[in-house]
C-alpha atoms as a PDB file:
ATOM      1  CA  MET A   1       4.412 -26.455   7.218  1.00  0.00           C
ATOM      2  CA  ARG A   2       3.779 -23.821   9.860  1.00  0.00           C
ATOM      3  CA  ALA A   3       1.067 -21.256   9.153  1.00  0.00           C
ATOM      4  CA  ALA A   4      -1.011 -18.685  11.013  1.00  0.00           C
ATOM      5  CA  VAL A   5      -4.630 -19.765  10.568  1.00  0.00           C
ATOM      6  CA  LEU A   6      -7.537 -17.431  11.324  1.00  0.00           C
ATOM      7  CA  HIS A   7     -10.538 -19.467  12.532  1.00  0.00           C
ATOM      8  CA  ALA A   8     -12.768 -16.518  13.494  1.00  0.00           C
ATOM      9  CA  PRO A   9     -12.257 -12.826  14.241  1.00  0.00           C
ATOM     10  CA  ARG A  10      -9.175 -12.547  16.506  1.00  0.00           C
ATOM     11  CA  ASP A  11      -8.941 -16.350  16.756  1.00  0.00           C
ATOM     12  CA  LEU A  12      -5.477 -16.723  15.207  1.00  0.00           C
ATOM     13  CA  ARG A  13      -3.469 -19.926  15.747  1.00  0.00           C
ATOM     14  CA  ILE A  14      -0.052 -21.110  14.616  1.00  0.00           C
ATOM     15  CA  GLU A  15      -0.667 -24.601  13.220  1.00  0.00           C
ATOM     16  CA  GLU A  16       0.852 -27.340  11.091  1.00  0.00           C
ATOM     17  CA  VAL A  17      -0.973 -27.485   7.762  1.00  0.00           C
ATOM     18  CA  PRO A  18      -0.250 -29.325   4.488  1.00  0.00           C
ATOM     19  CA  LYS A  19       2.261 -27.675   2.170  1.00  0.00           C
ATOM     20  CA  PRO A  20       0.530 -26.488  -1.036  1.00  0.00           C
ATOM     21  CA  GLN A  21       1.023 -28.607  -4.150  1.00  0.00           C
ATOM     22  CA  VAL A  22       2.056 -26.606  -7.180  1.00  0.00           C
ATOM     23  CA  ARG A  23      -0.124 -26.845 -10.299  1.00  0.00           C
ATOM     24  CA  ALA A  24       0.336 -25.913 -13.954  1.00  0.00           C
ATOM     25  CA  GLY A  25       1.028 -22.210 -14.403  1.00  0.00           C
ATOM     26  CA  GLU A  26       1.962 -21.738 -10.747  1.00  0.00           C
ATOM     27  CA  VAL A  27       5.058 -21.457  -8.592  1.00  0.00           C
ATOM     28  CA  LEU A  28       5.639 -22.506  -4.999  1.00  0.00           C
ATOM     29  CA  LEU A  29       7.431 -19.963  -2.848  1.00  0.00           C
ATOM     30  CA  ARG A  30       9.330 -20.294   0.389  1.00  0.00           C
ATOM     31  CA  VAL A  31       8.005 -17.193   2.143  1.00  0.00           C
ATOM     32  CA  ARG A  32      10.727 -14.988   3.630  1.00  0.00           C
ATOM     33  CA  ALA A  33       8.794 -11.962   4.888  1.00  0.00           C
ATOM     34  CA  THR A  34       5.202 -10.721   5.000  1.00  0.00           C
ATOM     35  CA  ALA A  35       4.055  -7.328   6.281  1.00  0.00           C
ATOM     36  CA  ILE A  36       0.898  -6.606   8.257  1.00  0.00           C
ATOM     37  CA  CYS A  37      -1.250  -4.081   6.398  1.00  0.00           C
ATOM     38  CA  GLY A  38      -4.584  -2.430   7.102  1.00  0.00           C
ATOM     39  CA  THR A  39      -6.476  -4.998   5.042  1.00  0.00           C
ATOM     40  CA  ASP A  40      -4.974  -7.809   7.142  1.00  0.00           C
ATOM     41  CA  VAL A  41      -6.096  -6.039  10.305  1.00  0.00           C
ATOM     42  CA  GLY A  42      -9.608  -5.574   8.902  1.00  0.00           C
ATOM     43  CA  ILE A  43      -9.859  -9.305   8.174  1.00  0.00           C
ATOM     44  CA  TYR A  44      -8.380 -10.185  11.563  1.00  0.00           C
ATOM     45  CA  ILE A  45     -11.025  -8.228  13.503  1.00  0.00           C
ATOM     46  CA  GLY A  46     -13.883  -9.309  11.225  1.00  0.00           C
ATOM     47  CA  LYS A  47     -14.431  -5.934   9.545  1.00  0.00           C
ATOM     48  CA  GLU A  48     -13.587  -7.445   6.162  1.00  0.00           C
ATOM     49  CA  LYS A  49     -15.267 -10.711   5.278  1.00  0.00           C
ATOM     50  CA  THR A  50     -13.456 -13.939   4.475  1.00  0.00           C
ATOM     51  CA  ASN A  51     -14.176 -17.658   4.612  1.00  0.00           C
ATOM     52  CA  TYR A  52     -12.781 -19.476   7.659  1.00  0.00           C
ATOM     53  CA  PRO A  53     -10.372 -21.013   8.240  1.00  0.00           C
ATOM     54  CA  ARG A  54      -8.084 -18.632   6.349  1.00  0.00           C
ATOM     55  CA  ILE A  55      -4.339 -18.106   6.142  1.00  0.00           C
ATOM     56  CA  GLN A  56      -3.922 -14.342   5.868  1.00  0.00           C
ATOM     57  CA  GLY A  57      -1.037 -12.288   4.498  1.00  0.00           C
ATOM     58  CA  HIS A  58      -0.311 -10.830   1.078  1.00  0.00           C
ATOM     59  CA  GLU A  59       2.472  -8.203   1.125  1.00  0.00           C
ATOM     60  CA  SER A  60       5.256 -10.731   0.727  1.00  0.00           C
ATOM     61  CA  THR A  61       8.658 -11.692  -0.581  1.00  0.00           C
ATOM     62  CA  GLY A  62      10.195 -15.145  -0.960  1.00  0.00           C
ATOM     63  CA  GLU A  63      12.185 -17.609  -3.034  1.00  0.00           C
ATOM     64  CA  ILE A  64      10.920 -19.936  -5.737  1.00  0.00           C
ATOM     65  CA  VAL A  65      11.279 -23.559  -4.667  1.00  0.00           C
ATOM     66  CA  GLU A  66       9.136 -25.313  -7.285  1.00  0.00           C
ATOM     67  CA  ILE A  67       7.822 -24.467 -10.743  1.00  0.00           C
ATOM     68  CA  GLY A  68       4.625 -25.792 -12.298  1.00  0.00           C
ATOM     69  CA  GLU A  69       4.160 -27.055 -15.829  1.00  0.00           C
ATOM     70  CA  GLY A  70       4.168 -24.373 -18.507  1.00  0.00           C
ATOM     71  CA  VAL A  71       5.936 -21.698 -16.458  1.00  0.00           C
ATOM     72  CA  ARG A  72       8.647 -19.841 -18.346  1.00  0.00           C
ATOM     73  CA  ASP A  73      11.266 -17.202 -17.505  1.00  0.00           C
ATOM     74  CA  LEU A  74      11.366 -18.167 -13.824  1.00  0.00           C
ATOM     75  CA  SER A  75      13.862 -20.419 -12.047  1.00  0.00           C
ATOM     76  CA  VAL A  76      14.111 -22.259  -8.757  1.00  0.00           C
ATOM     77  CA  GLY A  77      16.057 -20.148  -6.269  1.00  0.00           C
ATOM     78  CA  GLU A  78      15.046 -16.768  -7.669  1.00  0.00           C
ATOM     79  CA  ARG A  79      14.115 -14.017  -5.218  1.00  0.00           C
ATOM     80  CA  VAL A  80      10.659 -12.539  -5.872  1.00  0.00           C
ATOM     81  CA  VAL A  81       7.986 -10.204  -4.568  1.00  0.00           C
ATOM     82  CA  ILE A  82       4.304 -11.150  -4.872  1.00  0.00           C
ATOM     83  CA  ASN A  83       1.594  -9.096  -6.528  1.00  0.00           C
ATOM     84  CA  PRO A  84      -1.285 -10.364  -4.333  1.00  0.00           C
ATOM     85  CA  ALA A  85      -4.084  -9.135  -6.595  1.00  0.00           C
ATOM     86  CA  VAL A  86      -5.367 -12.134  -8.554  1.00  0.00           C
ATOM     87  CA  PHE A  87      -6.921 -11.267 -11.926  1.00  0.00           C
ATOM     88  CA  CYS A  88      -8.523 -13.378 -14.651  1.00  0.00           C
ATOM     89  CA  ARG A  89      -6.491 -12.061 -17.649  1.00  0.00           C
ATOM     90  CA  ASP A  90      -9.520 -12.588 -19.909  1.00  0.00           C
ATOM     91  CA  CYS A  91     -12.074  -9.845 -19.147  1.00  0.00           C
ATOM     92  CA  PHE A  92     -12.453  -6.380 -20.666  1.00  0.00           C
ATOM     93  CA  PHE A  93     -10.501  -4.726 -17.840  1.00  0.00           C
ATOM     94  CA  CYS A  94      -7.589  -7.169 -18.037  1.00  0.00           C
ATOM     95  CA  HIS A  95      -7.342  -6.786 -21.815  1.00  0.00           C
ATOM     96  CA  TYR A  96      -7.561  -3.020 -21.386  1.00  0.00           C
ATOM     97  CA  GLY A  97      -4.513  -3.102 -19.098  1.00  0.00           C
ATOM     98  CA  THR A  98      -6.395  -2.255 -15.903  1.00  0.00           C
ATOM     99  CA  THR A  99      -5.997  -5.599 -14.164  1.00  0.00           C
ATOM    100  CA  ASN A 100      -6.542  -3.791 -10.857  1.00  0.00           C
ATOM    101  CA  LEU A 101     -10.193  -3.362 -11.866  1.00  0.00           C
ATOM    102  CA  CYS A 102     -10.823  -7.026 -12.728  1.00  0.00           C
ATOM    103  CA  ASN A 103     -14.051  -8.068 -10.996  1.00  0.00           C
ATOM    104  CA  GLN A 104     -13.381 -11.792 -11.302  1.00  0.00           C
ATOM    105  CA  GLY A 105     -10.232 -11.878  -9.196  1.00  0.00           C
ATOM    106  CA  GLY A 106      -9.479 -11.507  -5.530  1.00  0.00           C
ATOM    107  CA  LEU A 107      -6.752 -11.007  -2.955  1.00  0.00           C
ATOM    108  CA  PHE A 108      -4.336 -13.431  -1.366  1.00  0.00           C
ATOM    109  CA  GLY A 109      -5.069 -13.730   2.323  1.00  0.00           C
ATOM    110  CA  ARG A 110      -8.757 -12.894   1.864  1.00  0.00           C
ATOM    111  CA  GLU A 111     -10.346 -14.799  -1.052  1.00  0.00           C
ATOM    112  CA  PHE A 112      -7.377 -17.206  -1.205  1.00  0.00           C
ATOM    113  CA  ASP A 113      -4.950 -18.500   1.396  1.00  0.00           C
ATOM    114  CA  GLY A 114      -2.052 -16.121   1.828  1.00  0.00           C
ATOM    115  CA  SER A 115       1.515 -15.878   3.019  1.00  0.00           C
ATOM    116  CA  PHE A 116       1.587 -15.874   6.815  1.00  0.00           C
ATOM    117  CA  ALA A 117       3.019 -19.336   6.283  1.00  0.00           C
ATOM    118  CA  GLU A 118       6.263 -21.057   5.388  1.00  0.00           C
ATOM    119  CA  TYR A 119       5.107 -21.724   1.811  1.00  0.00           C
ATOM    120  CA  VAL A 120       2.562 -20.211  -0.547  1.00  0.00           C
ATOM    121  CA  ARG A 121       1.380 -21.238  -4.016  1.00  0.00           C
ATOM    122  CA  VAL A 122       0.751 -18.395  -6.486  1.00  0.00           C
ATOM    123  CA  PRO A 123       0.157 -17.964 -10.230  1.00  0.00           C
ATOM    124  CA  ALA A 124       3.433 -17.399 -12.058  1.00  0.00           C
ATOM    125  CA  TYR A 125       2.148 -14.058 -13.347  1.00  0.00           C
ATOM    126  CA  SER A 126       1.897 -12.849  -9.738  1.00  0.00           C
ATOM    127  CA  VAL A 127       5.634 -12.777  -9.019  1.00  0.00           C
ATOM    128  CA  HIS A 128       8.223 -10.155  -9.916  1.00  0.00           C
ATOM    129  CA  LYS A 129      11.945 -10.727  -9.657  1.00  0.00           C
ATOM    130  CA  LEU A 130      13.493  -9.025  -6.637  1.00  0.00           C
ATOM    131  CA  PRO A 131      17.040  -7.726  -7.147  1.00  0.00           C
ATOM    132  CA  GLU A 132      19.711  -8.270  -4.496  1.00  0.00           C
ATOM    133  CA  GLU A 133      19.721  -4.521  -3.762  1.00  0.00           C
ATOM    134  CA  ILE A 134      16.328  -4.904  -2.038  1.00  0.00           C
ATOM    135  CA  SER A 135      16.133  -7.065   1.091  1.00  0.00           C
ATOM    136  CA  PHE A 136      13.293  -9.506   1.704  1.00  0.00           C
ATOM    137  CA  ILE A 137      12.130  -7.353   4.634  1.00  0.00           C
ATOM    138  CA  ASP A 138      12.183  -4.055   2.732  1.00  0.00           C
ATOM    139  CA  GLY A 139      10.705  -5.675  -0.376  1.00  0.00           C
ATOM    140  CA  THR A 140       7.381  -6.207   1.404  1.00  0.00           C
ATOM    141  CA  SER A 141       6.789  -2.448   1.009  1.00  0.00           C
ATOM    142  CA  LEU A 142       6.855  -2.737  -2.783  1.00  0.00           C
ATOM    143  CA  ASN A 143       3.161  -3.580  -2.617  1.00  0.00           C
ATOM    144  CA  VAL A 144       2.355  -0.169  -1.149  1.00  0.00           C
ATOM    145  CA  LEU A 145       4.737   1.564  -3.546  1.00  0.00           C
ATOM    146  CA  ALA A 146       2.985  -0.094  -6.489  1.00  0.00           C
ATOM    147  CA  THR A 147      -0.388   1.288  -5.342  1.00  0.00           C
ATOM    148  CA  VAL A 148       1.175   4.734  -4.979  1.00  0.00           C
ATOM    149  CA  LEU A 149       2.636   4.600  -8.490  1.00  0.00           C
ATOM    150  CA  ARG A 150      -0.731   3.499  -9.874  1.00  0.00           C
ATOM    151  CA  ALA A 151      -2.327   6.548  -8.252  1.00  0.00           C
ATOM    152  CA  HIS A 152       0.283   8.873  -9.750  1.00  0.00           C
ATOM    153  CA  ASP A 153      -0.589   7.539 -13.196  1.00  0.00           C
ATOM    154  CA  ARG A 154      -4.170   8.702 -12.600  1.00  0.00           C
ATOM    155  CA  PHE A 155      -3.132  12.367 -12.341  1.00  0.00           C
ATOM    156  CA  ALA A 156      -0.105  14.475 -13.154  1.00  0.00           C
ATOM    157  CA  VAL A 157       2.292  16.221 -10.794  1.00  0.00           C
ATOM    158  CA  LYS A 158       3.816  18.797 -13.104  1.00  0.00           C
ATOM    159  CA  PRO A 159       7.257  20.321 -12.567  1.00  0.00           C
ATOM    160  CA  GLY A 160       6.817  23.292 -10.255  1.00  0.00           C
ATOM    161  CA  ASP A 161       3.545  22.119  -8.684  1.00  0.00           C
ATOM    162  CA  LEU A 162       2.756  22.658  -5.017  1.00  0.00           C
ATOM    163  CA  VAL A 163       1.609  19.354  -3.505  1.00  0.00           C
ATOM    164  CA  ALA A 164       0.174  18.472  -0.085  1.00  0.00           C
ATOM    165  CA  VAL A 165       0.076  14.894   1.173  1.00  0.00           C
ATOM    166  CA  VAL A 166      -2.473  14.391   3.959  1.00  0.00           C
ATOM    167  CA  GLY A 167      -1.401  11.522   6.207  1.00  0.00           C
ATOM    168  CA  GLN A 168       2.185  10.366   6.544  1.00  0.00           C
ATOM    169  CA  GLY A 169       1.792   6.661   7.054  1.00  0.00           C
ATOM    170  CA  VAL A 170       3.615   4.256   4.740  1.00  0.00           C
ATOM    171  CA  ALA A 171       1.577   5.271   1.679  1.00  0.00           C
ATOM    172  CA  GLY A 172       1.712   8.961   2.515  1.00  0.00           C
ATOM    173  CA  LEU A 173       5.488   8.925   2.892  1.00  0.00           C
ATOM    174  CA  LEU A 174       5.841   7.180  -0.464  1.00  0.00           C
ATOM    175  CA  HIS A 175       3.457   9.693  -2.062  1.00  0.00           C
ATOM    176  CA  THR A 176       5.664  12.450  -0.663  1.00  0.00           C
ATOM    177  CA  ARG A 177       8.762  10.907  -2.207  1.00  0.00           C
ATOM    178  CA  VAL A 178       7.159  10.165  -5.580  1.00  0.00           C
ATOM    179  CA  ALA A 179       5.733  13.701  -5.816  1.00  0.00           C
ATOM    180  CA  LYS A 180       9.274  15.070  -5.413  1.00  0.00           C
ATOM    181  CA  LEU A 181      10.614  12.638  -7.993  1.00  0.00           C
ATOM    182  CA  ARG A 182       7.935  13.810 -10.424  1.00  0.00           C
ATOM    183  CA  GLY A 183       9.029  17.418 -10.155  1.00  0.00           C
ATOM    184  CA  ALA A 184       6.958  19.087  -7.442  1.00  0.00           C
ATOM    185  CA  SER A 185       8.670  22.300  -6.380  1.00  0.00           C
ATOM    186  CA  LYS A 186       7.286  22.022  -2.862  1.00  0.00           C
ATOM    187  CA  VAL A 187       5.666  19.127  -1.008  1.00  0.00           C
ATOM    188  CA  ILE A 188       3.857  19.724   2.286  1.00  0.00           C
ATOM    189  CA  GLY A 189       3.593  16.660   4.535  1.00  0.00           C
ATOM    190  CA  ILE A 190       0.581  16.680   6.854  1.00  0.00           C
ATOM    191  CA  SER A 191       0.169  14.569   9.990  1.00  0.00           C
ATOM    192  CA  ARG A 192      -0.779  14.940  13.631  1.00  0.00           C
ATOM    193  CA  SER A 193       2.267  12.918  14.724  1.00  0.00           C
ATOM    194  CA  GLN A 194       5.536  14.804  14.977  1.00  0.00           C
ATOM    195  CA  TRP A 195       7.634  11.668  14.464  1.00  0.00           C
ATOM    196  CA  LYS A 196       5.844  11.026  11.187  1.00  0.00           C
ATOM    197  CA  LEU A 197       6.443  14.616  10.113  1.00  0.00           C
ATOM    198  CA  ASP A 198      10.136  14.106  10.846  1.00  0.00           C
ATOM    199  CA  LEU A 199      10.038  11.061   8.565  1.00  0.00           C
ATOM    200  CA  ALA A 200       8.175  13.090   5.943  1.00  0.00           C
ATOM    201  CA  ARG A 201      11.135  15.462   5.736  1.00  0.00           C
ATOM    202  CA  GLN A 202      13.397  12.444   5.304  1.00  0.00           C
ATOM    203  CA  PHE A 203      11.226  11.389   2.332  1.00  0.00           C
ATOM    204  CA  GLY A 204      11.452  14.817   0.725  1.00  0.00           C
ATOM    205  CA  ALA A 205       8.800  17.051   2.317  1.00  0.00           C
ATOM    206  CA  ASP A 206       9.834  20.707   2.107  1.00  0.00           C
ATOM    207  CA  GLU A 207       7.275  21.837   4.693  1.00  0.00           C
ATOM    208  CA  VAL A 208       5.142  20.075   7.302  1.00  0.00           C
ATOM    209  CA  ALA A 209       1.803  20.915   8.906  1.00  0.00           C
ATOM    210  CA  GLY A 210      -0.829  19.569  11.295  1.00  0.00           C
ATOM    211  CA  ALA A 211       1.412  18.615  14.237  1.00  0.00           C
ATOM    212  CA  GLY A 212      -0.567  17.882  17.381  1.00  0.00           C
ATOM    213  CA  GLY A 213      -3.878  18.400  15.593  1.00  0.00           C
ATOM    214  CA  SER A 214      -3.160  22.009  14.638  1.00  0.00           C
ATOM    215  CA  ASP A 215      -5.077  23.638  11.767  1.00  0.00           C
ATOM    216  CA  ALA A 216      -3.444  22.101   8.692  1.00  0.00           C
ATOM    217  CA  VAL A 217      -5.666  23.990   6.235  1.00  0.00           C
ATOM    218  CA  LYS A 218      -4.666  27.334   7.744  1.00  0.00           C
ATOM    219  CA  GLN A 219      -0.997  26.360   7.706  1.00  0.00           C
ATOM    220  CA  VAL A 220      -1.134  25.249   4.058  1.00  0.00           C
ATOM    221  CA  MET A 221      -2.794  28.516   3.044  1.00  0.00           C
ATOM    222  CA  GLU A 222      -0.107  30.458   4.882  1.00  0.00           C
ATOM    223  CA  ILE A 223       2.667  28.454   3.205  1.00  0.00           C
ATOM    224  CA  THR A 224       1.130  29.064  -0.246  1.00  0.00           C
ATOM    225  CA  GLY A 225       0.371  32.757   0.303  1.00  0.00           C
ATOM    226  CA  GLY A 226      -3.375  32.131   0.389  1.00  0.00           C
ATOM    227  CA  ARG A 227      -3.530  30.419  -3.001  1.00  0.00           C
ATOM    228  CA  GLY A 228      -3.697  26.775  -1.962  1.00  0.00           C
ATOM    229  CA  VAL A 229      -1.791  23.846  -3.417  1.00  0.00           C
ATOM    230  CA  ASP A 230      -2.169  22.480  -6.933  1.00  0.00           C
ATOM    231  CA  VAL A 231      -2.600  18.861  -5.823  1.00  0.00           C
ATOM    232  CA  VAL A 232      -3.684  17.262  -2.549  1.00  0.00           C
ATOM    233  CA  ILE A 233      -3.188  13.531  -2.022  1.00  0.00           C
ATOM    234  CA  GLU A 234      -5.484  12.305   0.751  1.00  0.00           C
ATOM    235  CA  SER A 235      -4.000   9.073   2.105  1.00  0.00           C
ATOM    236  CA  VAL A 236      -5.968   8.727   5.364  1.00  0.00           C
ATOM    237  CA  GLY A 237      -9.376   7.643   4.100  1.00  0.00           C
ATOM    238  CA  LYS A 238     -11.622   9.728   6.365  1.00  0.00           C
ATOM    239  CA  GLY A 239     -14.388  12.173   5.530  1.00  0.00           C
ATOM    240  CA  ASP A 240     -12.885  14.955   7.639  1.00  0.00           C
ATOM    241  CA  THR A 241      -9.499  14.768   5.942  1.00  0.00           C
ATOM    242  CA  LEU A 242     -11.102  14.625   2.481  1.00  0.00           C
ATOM    243  CA  ARG A 243     -13.042  17.795   3.282  1.00  0.00           C
ATOM    244  CA  GLU A 244      -9.855  19.463   4.529  1.00  0.00           C
ATOM    245  CA  SER A 245      -8.126  18.407   1.323  1.00  0.00           C
ATOM    246  CA  MET A 246     -10.815  20.121  -0.741  1.00  0.00           C
ATOM    247  CA  GLU A 247     -10.404  23.258   1.363  1.00  0.00           C
ATOM    248  CA  MET A 248      -6.618  23.502   1.022  1.00  0.00           C
ATOM    249  CA  VAL A 249      -6.418  22.886  -2.739  1.00  0.00           C
ATOM    250  CA  ARG A 250      -6.528  25.893  -5.059  1.00  0.00           C
ATOM    251  CA  PRO A 251      -9.476  26.548  -7.403  1.00  0.00           C
ATOM    252  CA  GLY A 252      -9.018  24.331 -10.457  1.00  0.00           C
ATOM    253  CA  GLY A 253      -6.803  21.943  -8.500  1.00  0.00           C
ATOM    254  CA  VAL A 254      -6.767  18.174  -8.058  1.00  0.00           C
ATOM    255  CA  VAL A 255      -7.735  16.129  -4.991  1.00  0.00           C
ATOM    256  CA  VAL A 256      -6.656  12.480  -5.018  1.00  0.00           C
ATOM    257  CA  ALA A 257      -8.841  10.278  -2.807  1.00  0.00           C
ATOM    258  CA  PHE A 258      -6.222   7.585  -2.208  1.00  0.00           C
ATOM    259  CA  GLY A 259      -7.077   6.478   1.334  1.00  0.00           C
ATOM    260  CA  VAL A 260      -9.554   3.612   1.589  1.00  0.00           C
ATOM    261  CA  GLY A 261     -12.399   4.985   3.661  1.00  0.00           C
ATOM    262  CA  ALA A 262     -16.067   4.528   4.397  1.00  0.00           C
ATOM    263  CA  LYS A 263     -18.573   3.665   1.670  1.00  0.00           C
ATOM    264  CA  SER A 264     -20.178   7.086   2.048  1.00  0.00           C
ATOM    265  CA  ILE A 265     -19.211  10.494   3.448  1.00  0.00           C
ATOM    266  CA  PRO A 266     -21.913  12.424   5.340  1.00  0.00           C
ATOM    267  CA  ASP A 267     -22.237  16.064   4.282  1.00  0.00           C
ATOM    268  CA  PHE A 268     -19.892  15.678   1.332  1.00  0.00           C
ATOM    269  CA  PRO A 269     -18.927  19.240   0.256  1.00  0.00           C
ATOM    270  CA  HIS A 270     -20.488  19.238  -3.216  1.00  0.00           C
ATOM    271  CA  TYR A 271     -20.471  23.028  -3.288  1.00  0.00           C
ATOM    272  CA  LEU A 272     -16.677  23.112  -3.040  1.00  0.00           C
ATOM    273  CA  MET A 273     -16.499  20.756  -6.029  1.00  0.00           C
ATOM    274  CA  TYR A 274     -18.626  23.202  -8.030  1.00  0.00           C
ATOM    275  CA  TYR A 275     -17.297  26.502  -6.739  1.00  0.00           C
ATOM    276  CA  LYS A 276     -13.597  25.605  -6.945  1.00  0.00           C
ATOM    277  CA  GLU A 277     -14.023  23.530 -10.128  1.00  0.00           C
ATOM    278  CA  LEU A 278     -12.073  20.635  -8.616  1.00  0.00           C
ATOM    279  CA  ASP A 279     -10.978  17.336 -10.097  1.00  0.00           C
ATOM    280  CA  LEU A 280     -11.541  14.456  -7.662  1.00  0.00           C
ATOM    281  CA  VAL A 281      -9.469  11.401  -8.624  1.00  0.00           C
ATOM    282  CA  GLY A 282      -9.860   7.852  -7.298  1.00  0.00           C
ATOM    283  CA  SER A 283      -7.307   5.059  -7.435  1.00  0.00           C
ATOM    284  CA  ARG A 284      -7.555   1.364  -6.656  1.00  0.00           C
ATOM    285  CA  GLY A 285      -4.862  -1.241  -6.244  1.00  0.00           C
ATOM    286  CA  MET A 286      -1.995  -1.684  -8.673  1.00  0.00           C
ATOM    287  CA  ARG A 287      -1.010  -3.307 -11.974  1.00  0.00           C
ATOM    288  CA  PRO A 288       2.007  -5.511 -12.759  1.00  0.00           C
ATOM    289  CA  VAL A 289       3.770  -2.569 -14.439  1.00  0.00           C
ATOM    290  CA  ASP A 290       3.588  -0.618 -11.184  1.00  0.00           C
ATOM    291  CA  TYR A 291       5.641  -3.332  -9.464  1.00  0.00           C
ATOM    292  CA  GLU A 292       8.280  -3.243 -12.172  1.00  0.00           C
ATOM    293  CA  ASN A 293       8.531   0.542 -11.989  1.00  0.00           C
ATOM    294  CA  GLY A 294       8.733   0.477  -8.204  1.00  0.00           C
ATOM    295  CA  ILE A 295      11.447  -2.183  -8.194  1.00  0.00           C
ATOM    296  CA  ARG A 296      13.568  -0.063 -10.537  1.00  0.00           C
ATOM    297  CA  LEU A 297      13.139   3.068  -8.426  1.00  0.00           C
ATOM    298  CA  CYS A 298      14.273   1.207  -5.310  1.00  0.00           C
ATOM    299  CA  ALA A 299      17.092  -0.755  -6.953  1.00  0.00           C
ATOM    300  CA  ASN A 300      18.686   2.421  -8.314  1.00  0.00           C
ATOM    301  CA  GLY A 301      18.448   4.233  -4.970  1.00  0.00           C
ATOM    302  CA  GLN A 302      15.756   6.788  -5.785  1.00  0.00           C
ATOM    303  CA  ILE A 303      13.439   5.411  -3.073  1.00  0.00           C
ATOM    304  CA  ASP A 304      14.658   3.941   0.223  1.00  0.00           C
ATOM    305  CA  LEU A 305      12.154   1.509   1.744  1.00  0.00           C
ATOM    306  CA  LYS A 306      14.171   0.744   4.867  1.00  0.00           C
ATOM    307  CA  PRO A 307      12.846   3.587   7.111  1.00  0.00           C
ATOM    308  CA  LEU A 308       9.264   2.329   6.626  1.00  0.00           C
ATOM    309  CA  VAL A 309       9.811  -0.855   8.677  1.00  0.00           C
ATOM    310  CA  THR A 310       9.565  -0.114  12.388  1.00  0.00           C
ATOM    311  CA  GLU A 311       9.348  -3.649  13.806  1.00  0.00           C
ATOM    312  CA  VAL A 312      10.205  -7.198  12.711  1.00  0.00           C
ATOM    313  CA  LEU A 313       8.569 -10.176  14.461  1.00  0.00           C
ATOM    314  CA  PRO A 314       8.650 -13.961  14.046  1.00  0.00           C
ATOM    315  CA  LEU A 315       5.568 -15.825  12.834  1.00  0.00           C
ATOM    316  CA  GLU A 316       4.770 -16.889  16.404  1.00  0.00           C
ATOM    317  CA  LYS A 317       4.332 -13.200  17.344  1.00  0.00           C
ATOM    318  CA  LEU A 318       1.938 -12.375  14.506  1.00  0.00           C
ATOM    319  CA  LYS A 319      -1.052 -12.091  16.849  1.00  0.00           C
ATOM    320  CA  ASP A 320       0.874  -9.585  18.983  1.00  0.00           C
ATOM    321  CA  GLY A 321       1.594  -7.542  15.876  1.00  0.00           C
ATOM    322  CA  MET A 322      -2.059  -7.615  14.845  1.00  0.00           C
ATOM    323  CA  GLU A 323      -3.192  -6.480  18.285  1.00  0.00           C
ATOM    324  CA  THR A 324      -0.672  -3.630  18.218  1.00  0.00           C
ATOM    325  CA  MET A 325      -2.093  -2.443  14.916  1.00  0.00           C
ATOM    326  CA  VAL A 326      -5.636  -2.676  16.307  1.00  0.00           C
ATOM    327  CA  SER A 327      -5.097  -1.000  19.683  1.00  0.00           C
ATOM    328  CA  ASN A 328      -2.337   1.463  18.868  1.00  0.00           C
ATOM    329  CA  PRO A 329      -2.083   1.989  15.106  1.00  0.00           C
ATOM    330  CA  GLY A 330       0.007   5.139  15.537  1.00  0.00           C
ATOM    331  CA  LYS A 331       2.770   3.263  17.354  1.00  0.00           C
ATOM    332  CA  ALA A 332       4.306   1.589  14.315  1.00  0.00           C
ATOM    333  CA  LEU A 333       4.473   2.353  10.633  1.00  0.00           C
ATOM    334  CA  ARG A 334       5.063  -1.145   9.359  1.00  0.00           C
ATOM    335  CA  ILE A 335       5.359  -4.450  11.189  1.00  0.00           C
ATOM    336  CA  VAL A 336       6.942  -7.216   9.137  1.00  0.00           C
ATOM    337  CA  ILE A 337       6.772 -10.917   9.968  1.00  0.00           C
ATOM    338  CA  ASN A 338      10.091 -12.600   9.276  1.00  0.00           C
ATOM    339  CA  ILE A 339       9.236 -16.192   8.369  1.00  0.00           C
END
């Protein structure tokens, strides 16, 4: 089968490799589409560690072509989306229902070979049935939606809340939409890019701020009459934007640190945490239930994934897509590899 094999940072080659052999409890998928995400880019440039050679890719959809012994409730030919987070199903966290916190698992495309290939072998518990209403291309965004829904289970957007979403990339846009679905009376989308702010309005933002690097904190305070918002969802993952989030939230409010950032933040504003009596909420990954909830929201038309995909490339152009994400990450929201 054809696969994109990473031999070293930025050394990506399209090669013929053996097709995986399905084992008990697994299914073999014919990969239809796989998106490039920030984790893939980090592995590609060597920022995130992996063992070489490695087939990357994890935000994927496909069709079941073979079923291993002991697999039930799945059939050859079914359309599916992959949950790429492997978990052991036997530790405290798995039994507790927080499979996203399992410390004995890993990620497809990093600890295990992934889906920038014609076929991929995955545990049967990793696939979720994909209804016809969601295309293979659009279905690759269900991974991001699942992480967003997991985050929203960690805090509560109450009907009538004022919510700001800092960063309007794929995750930020989905946070904007989910906040509206959960009853926020006003959602403020924040980004430096005007075209992303235009998309934010399409996803339900009532107000926008931060265009061209303008003072987003000042604009949010003006919009809220000086009070600040009830909830800020920081989806960038930078120290500066986390500090701004803590400045624009009202006293007693909630700041959600969703963006994956540095291991430490210099000059973290501890005083703001104390003085404003803030709740700082973290969120990591997603659980199987988050996929099922996301699939339902998309299948019934409450969330439209289509505007998130800005470019579709063949497998042979994967390296070009990676380089675009490295050199000009603001150019595209989501590049999907159509395999």
